[in-house]
N, C-alpha and C. Protein backbone atom coordinates (compact mmCIF):
# COMPACT_ATOMS: atom_id res chain seq x y z
N UNK A 1 -17.13 -5.46 30.29
CA UNK A 1 -18.24 -6.20 30.83
C UNK A 1 -18.69 -7.28 29.85
N UNK A 2 -18.72 -6.95 28.55
CA UNK A 2 -19.12 -7.93 27.55
C UNK A 2 -18.16 -9.11 27.51
N UNK A 3 -16.86 -8.83 27.68
CA UNK A 3 -15.89 -9.93 27.66
C UNK A 3 -16.07 -10.85 28.86
N UNK A 4 -16.44 -10.29 30.01
CA UNK A 4 -16.71 -11.10 31.20
C UNK A 4 -17.91 -12.00 30.98
N UNK A 5 -18.97 -11.45 30.41
CA UNK A 5 -20.17 -12.24 30.12
C UNK A 5 -19.84 -13.35 29.12
N UNK A 6 -19.06 -13.02 28.09
CA UNK A 6 -18.67 -14.01 27.09
C UNK A 6 -17.84 -15.12 27.73
N UNK A 7 -16.95 -14.76 28.63
CA UNK A 7 -16.13 -15.75 29.32
C UNK A 7 -16.99 -16.68 30.17
N UNK A 8 -17.95 -16.12 30.88
CA UNK A 8 -18.84 -16.94 31.71
C UNK A 8 -19.67 -17.88 30.84
N UNK A 9 -20.19 -17.38 29.72
CA UNK A 9 -20.98 -18.23 28.82
C UNK A 9 -20.14 -19.35 28.24
N UNK A 10 -18.90 -19.06 27.90
CA UNK A 10 -18.00 -20.11 27.38
C UNK A 10 -17.73 -21.16 28.45
N UNK A 11 -17.53 -20.73 29.66
CA UNK A 11 -17.26 -21.68 30.74
C UNK A 11 -18.48 -22.58 30.98
N UNK A 12 -19.67 -22.01 30.92
CA UNK A 12 -20.89 -22.80 31.09
C UNK A 12 -21.10 -23.77 29.93
N UNK A 13 -20.71 -23.37 28.74
CA UNK A 13 -20.90 -24.22 27.56
C UNK A 13 -19.98 -25.43 27.57
N UNK A 14 -18.84 -25.32 28.24
CA UNK A 14 -17.89 -26.43 28.28
C UNK A 14 -18.51 -27.63 28.97
N UNK A 15 -19.30 -27.41 29.99
CA UNK A 15 -20.01 -28.50 30.65
C UNK A 15 -19.34 -28.95 31.91
N UNK A 16 -20.04 -29.81 32.68
CA UNK A 16 -19.55 -30.24 33.99
C UNK A 16 -18.33 -31.15 33.92
N UNK A 17 -18.13 -31.89 32.84
CA UNK A 17 -16.98 -32.80 32.76
C UNK A 17 -15.66 -32.06 32.84
N UNK A 18 -15.55 -30.98 32.10
CA UNK A 18 -14.31 -30.20 32.12
C UNK A 18 -14.14 -29.48 33.45
N UNK A 19 -15.23 -29.04 34.02
CA UNK A 19 -15.16 -28.33 35.30
C UNK A 19 -14.67 -29.26 36.41
N UNK A 20 -15.15 -30.49 36.43
CA UNK A 20 -14.74 -31.43 37.47
C UNK A 20 -13.25 -31.73 37.39
N UNK A 21 -12.72 -31.85 36.19
CA UNK A 21 -11.29 -32.12 36.04
C UNK A 21 -10.48 -30.94 36.59
N UNK A 22 -10.91 -29.74 36.32
CA UNK A 22 -10.20 -28.55 36.79
C UNK A 22 -10.23 -28.47 38.31
N UNK A 23 -11.39 -28.75 38.91
CA UNK A 23 -11.50 -28.68 40.36
C UNK A 23 -10.56 -29.69 41.02
N UNK A 24 -10.52 -30.91 40.53
CA UNK A 24 -9.65 -31.91 41.16
C UNK A 24 -8.19 -31.55 41.00
N UNK A 25 -7.83 -30.92 39.87
CA UNK A 25 -6.45 -30.49 39.68
C UNK A 25 -6.08 -29.40 40.67
N UNK A 26 -7.00 -28.53 40.99
CA UNK A 26 -6.71 -27.41 41.88
C UNK A 26 -6.67 -27.80 43.34
N UNK A 27 -7.45 -28.78 43.75
CA UNK A 27 -7.59 -29.09 45.16
C UNK A 27 -6.93 -30.39 45.61
N UNK A 28 -6.14 -31.05 44.78
CA UNK A 28 -5.43 -32.26 45.18
C UNK A 28 -3.94 -31.94 45.33
N UNK A 29 -3.31 -32.59 46.30
CA UNK A 29 -1.89 -32.36 46.54
C UNK A 29 -1.34 -33.54 47.34
N UNK A 30 -0.05 -33.54 47.54
CA UNK A 30 0.59 -34.51 48.41
C UNK A 30 -0.03 -34.37 49.81
N UNK A 31 -0.35 -35.49 50.45
CA UNK A 31 -1.06 -35.46 51.74
C UNK A 31 -0.34 -34.62 52.79
N UNK A 32 0.95 -34.81 52.95
CA UNK A 32 1.71 -34.08 53.96
C UNK A 32 1.71 -32.58 53.67
N UNK A 33 1.85 -32.20 52.41
CA UNK A 33 1.87 -30.78 52.04
C UNK A 33 0.49 -30.15 52.26
N UNK A 34 -0.58 -30.87 51.91
CA UNK A 34 -1.93 -30.35 52.12
C UNK A 34 -2.23 -30.18 53.61
N UNK A 35 -1.83 -31.16 54.43
CA UNK A 35 -2.03 -31.05 55.87
C UNK A 35 -1.30 -29.83 56.43
N UNK A 36 -0.07 -29.63 55.99
CA UNK A 36 0.72 -28.48 56.47
C UNK A 36 0.04 -27.17 56.09
N UNK A 37 -0.50 -27.09 54.87
CA UNK A 37 -1.19 -25.87 54.45
C UNK A 37 -2.44 -25.62 55.28
N UNK A 38 -3.20 -26.68 55.54
CA UNK A 38 -4.41 -26.52 56.36
C UNK A 38 -4.06 -26.03 57.76
N UNK A 39 -2.97 -26.56 58.33
CA UNK A 39 -2.59 -26.17 59.69
C UNK A 39 -2.01 -24.76 59.74
N UNK A 40 -1.09 -24.44 58.83
CA UNK A 40 -0.38 -23.16 58.92
C UNK A 40 -1.16 -22.01 58.31
N UNK A 41 -1.78 -22.19 57.18
CA UNK A 41 -2.47 -21.08 56.52
C UNK A 41 -3.86 -20.83 57.07
N UNK A 42 -4.55 -21.90 57.49
CA UNK A 42 -5.93 -21.73 57.93
C UNK A 42 -6.11 -21.98 59.42
N UNK A 43 -5.07 -22.44 60.10
CA UNK A 43 -5.18 -22.72 61.52
C UNK A 43 -6.13 -23.88 61.81
N UNK A 44 -6.26 -24.79 60.85
CA UNK A 44 -7.21 -25.90 60.99
C UNK A 44 -6.60 -27.05 61.79
N UNK A 45 -7.48 -27.79 62.43
CA UNK A 45 -7.10 -28.99 63.18
C UNK A 45 -7.94 -30.16 62.68
N UNK A 46 -7.31 -31.33 62.59
CA UNK A 46 -8.05 -32.53 62.19
C UNK A 46 -8.90 -32.96 63.38
N UNK A 47 -10.23 -33.02 63.19
CA UNK A 47 -11.12 -33.32 64.31
C UNK A 47 -11.84 -34.66 64.18
N UNK A 48 -11.78 -35.27 63.01
CA UNK A 48 -12.45 -36.55 62.83
C UNK A 48 -12.01 -37.20 61.54
N UNK A 49 -12.19 -38.52 61.49
CA UNK A 49 -11.86 -39.24 60.26
C UNK A 49 -12.58 -40.57 60.24
N UNK A 50 -12.74 -41.11 59.04
CA UNK A 50 -13.39 -42.41 58.87
C UNK A 50 -13.03 -43.00 57.53
N UNK A 51 -12.99 -44.32 57.49
CA UNK A 51 -12.65 -45.02 56.25
C UNK A 51 -13.82 -44.92 55.27
N UNK A 52 -13.49 -44.60 54.04
CA UNK A 52 -14.50 -44.58 52.98
C UNK A 52 -14.43 -45.86 52.16
N UNK A 53 -13.31 -46.51 52.20
CA UNK A 53 -13.08 -47.76 51.47
C UNK A 53 -11.69 -48.24 51.79
N UNK A 54 -11.25 -49.30 51.13
CA UNK A 54 -9.93 -49.85 51.47
C UNK A 54 -8.77 -48.91 51.15
N UNK A 55 -8.97 -47.95 50.24
CA UNK A 55 -7.88 -47.06 49.85
C UNK A 55 -8.18 -45.59 50.10
N UNK A 56 -9.25 -45.27 50.82
CA UNK A 56 -9.63 -43.87 51.00
C UNK A 56 -10.09 -43.60 52.43
N UNK A 57 -9.65 -42.45 52.94
CA UNK A 57 -9.97 -42.01 54.29
C UNK A 57 -10.53 -40.60 54.20
N UNK A 58 -11.68 -40.35 54.82
CA UNK A 58 -12.24 -39.00 54.87
C UNK A 58 -11.84 -38.35 56.19
N UNK A 59 -11.43 -37.08 56.13
CA UNK A 59 -11.00 -36.34 57.32
C UNK A 59 -11.74 -35.01 57.38
N UNK A 60 -12.13 -34.62 58.59
CA UNK A 60 -12.75 -33.31 58.81
C UNK A 60 -11.73 -32.42 59.49
N UNK A 61 -11.46 -31.27 58.88
CA UNK A 61 -10.54 -30.27 59.42
C UNK A 61 -11.36 -29.04 59.76
N UNK A 62 -11.13 -28.48 60.96
CA UNK A 62 -11.87 -27.31 61.40
C UNK A 62 -10.89 -26.26 61.92
N UNK A 63 -11.13 -25.01 61.53
CA UNK A 63 -10.37 -23.87 62.06
C UNK A 63 -11.20 -23.29 63.20
N UNK A 64 -10.83 -23.57 64.46
CA UNK A 64 -11.65 -23.12 65.59
C UNK A 64 -11.87 -21.62 65.65
N UNK A 65 -10.90 -20.84 65.24
CA UNK A 65 -11.02 -19.38 65.36
C UNK A 65 -12.06 -18.79 64.41
N UNK A 66 -12.24 -19.43 63.25
CA UNK A 66 -13.16 -18.88 62.25
C UNK A 66 -14.41 -19.73 62.04
N UNK A 67 -14.36 -21.00 62.43
CA UNK A 67 -15.48 -21.89 62.17
C UNK A 67 -15.46 -22.47 60.76
N UNK A 68 -14.42 -22.17 59.99
CA UNK A 68 -14.30 -22.74 58.65
C UNK A 68 -14.00 -24.22 58.75
N UNK A 69 -14.56 -25.02 57.84
CA UNK A 69 -14.31 -26.46 57.84
C UNK A 69 -13.93 -26.92 56.45
N UNK A 70 -13.17 -28.02 56.41
CA UNK A 70 -12.71 -28.61 55.16
C UNK A 70 -12.84 -30.12 55.26
N UNK A 71 -13.41 -30.74 54.24
CA UNK A 71 -13.52 -32.19 54.15
C UNK A 71 -12.48 -32.67 53.15
N UNK A 72 -11.55 -33.52 53.62
CA UNK A 72 -10.44 -33.99 52.80
C UNK A 72 -10.54 -35.49 52.63
N UNK A 73 -10.33 -35.96 51.40
CA UNK A 73 -10.26 -37.39 51.15
C UNK A 73 -8.80 -37.73 50.87
N UNK A 74 -8.24 -38.62 51.69
CA UNK A 74 -6.85 -39.04 51.54
C UNK A 74 -6.80 -40.44 50.97
N UNK A 75 -5.86 -40.67 50.07
CA UNK A 75 -5.73 -41.94 49.39
C UNK A 75 -4.46 -42.66 49.83
N UNK A 76 -4.44 -43.97 49.66
CA UNK A 76 -3.30 -44.79 50.06
C UNK A 76 -2.03 -44.43 49.30
N UNK A 77 -2.15 -43.82 48.14
CA UNK A 77 -0.97 -43.47 47.34
C UNK A 77 -0.27 -42.20 47.81
N UNK A 78 -0.79 -41.57 48.91
CA UNK A 78 -0.14 -40.38 49.45
C UNK A 78 -0.71 -39.07 48.94
N UNK A 79 -1.80 -39.13 48.20
CA UNK A 79 -2.45 -37.93 47.69
C UNK A 79 -3.71 -37.64 48.50
N UNK A 80 -4.00 -36.37 48.69
CA UNK A 80 -5.23 -35.95 49.37
C UNK A 80 -5.93 -34.90 48.52
N UNK A 81 -7.26 -34.91 48.56
CA UNK A 81 -8.06 -33.94 47.80
C UNK A 81 -9.08 -33.29 48.70
N UNK A 82 -9.28 -31.99 48.52
CA UNK A 82 -10.33 -31.29 49.24
C UNK A 82 -11.64 -31.61 48.52
N UNK A 83 -12.57 -32.20 49.26
CA UNK A 83 -13.84 -32.63 48.70
C UNK A 83 -14.89 -31.54 48.88
N UNK A 84 -14.87 -30.84 50.02
CA UNK A 84 -15.84 -29.79 50.29
C UNK A 84 -15.26 -28.84 51.33
N UNK A 85 -15.76 -27.61 51.33
CA UNK A 85 -15.35 -26.61 52.31
C UNK A 85 -16.56 -25.77 52.68
N UNK A 86 -16.51 -25.18 53.86
CA UNK A 86 -17.62 -24.32 54.26
C UNK A 86 -17.25 -23.49 55.47
N UNK A 87 -18.26 -22.90 56.05
CA UNK A 87 -18.03 -22.04 57.21
C UNK A 87 -19.09 -22.30 58.26
N UNK A 88 -18.93 -21.69 59.41
CA UNK A 88 -19.88 -21.79 60.54
C UNK A 88 -20.04 -23.22 61.04
N UNK A 89 -18.93 -23.94 61.21
CA UNK A 89 -19.00 -25.30 61.76
C UNK A 89 -19.54 -25.24 63.17
N UNK A 90 -20.39 -26.19 63.52
CA UNK A 90 -20.96 -26.24 64.86
C UNK A 90 -20.97 -27.70 65.32
N UNK A 91 -20.34 -27.95 66.46
CA UNK A 91 -20.38 -29.29 67.05
C UNK A 91 -21.75 -29.50 67.68
N UNK A 92 -22.30 -30.68 67.46
CA UNK A 92 -23.60 -31.01 68.04
C UNK A 92 -23.38 -32.12 69.06
N UNK A 93 -23.78 -31.83 70.29
CA UNK A 93 -23.63 -32.82 71.37
C UNK A 93 -24.90 -33.64 71.41
N UNK A 94 -24.77 -34.99 71.30
CA UNK A 94 -25.98 -35.81 71.34
C UNK A 94 -26.68 -35.70 72.70
N UNK A 95 -27.98 -35.76 72.67
CA UNK A 95 -28.76 -35.71 73.90
C UNK A 95 -28.57 -37.01 74.67
N UNK A 96 -28.57 -36.91 75.99
CA UNK A 96 -28.42 -38.08 76.83
C UNK A 96 -29.64 -38.98 76.68
N UNK A 97 -29.41 -40.29 76.74
CA UNK A 97 -30.49 -41.28 76.67
C UNK A 97 -31.33 -41.18 77.94
N UNK A 98 -32.63 -40.92 77.83
CA UNK A 98 -33.44 -40.74 79.04
C UNK A 98 -33.69 -42.02 79.82
N UNK A 99 -33.32 -43.16 79.29
CA UNK A 99 -33.59 -44.44 79.97
C UNK A 99 -32.70 -44.67 81.10
């Protein structure tokens, strides 16, 4: 237990800069390979996308059976990174214009 606490304290002492580098290394991959993993391992489907800039596209992937969602940023160089993930996705239907 003491070694676990020491490990956690060391990780916190390193700071956010080192943590961010580790996260991007873990969640970035070739776009085609990442898409295949989202579809086959999680049963996710691409449900929306939008340009973030001239070289970046944001995509929303949702697994209908579980409600899990993944936000992926894809780059022009063929790399994609998972930006955020969560659960309990819910589609919201806009209310009709009363006019």
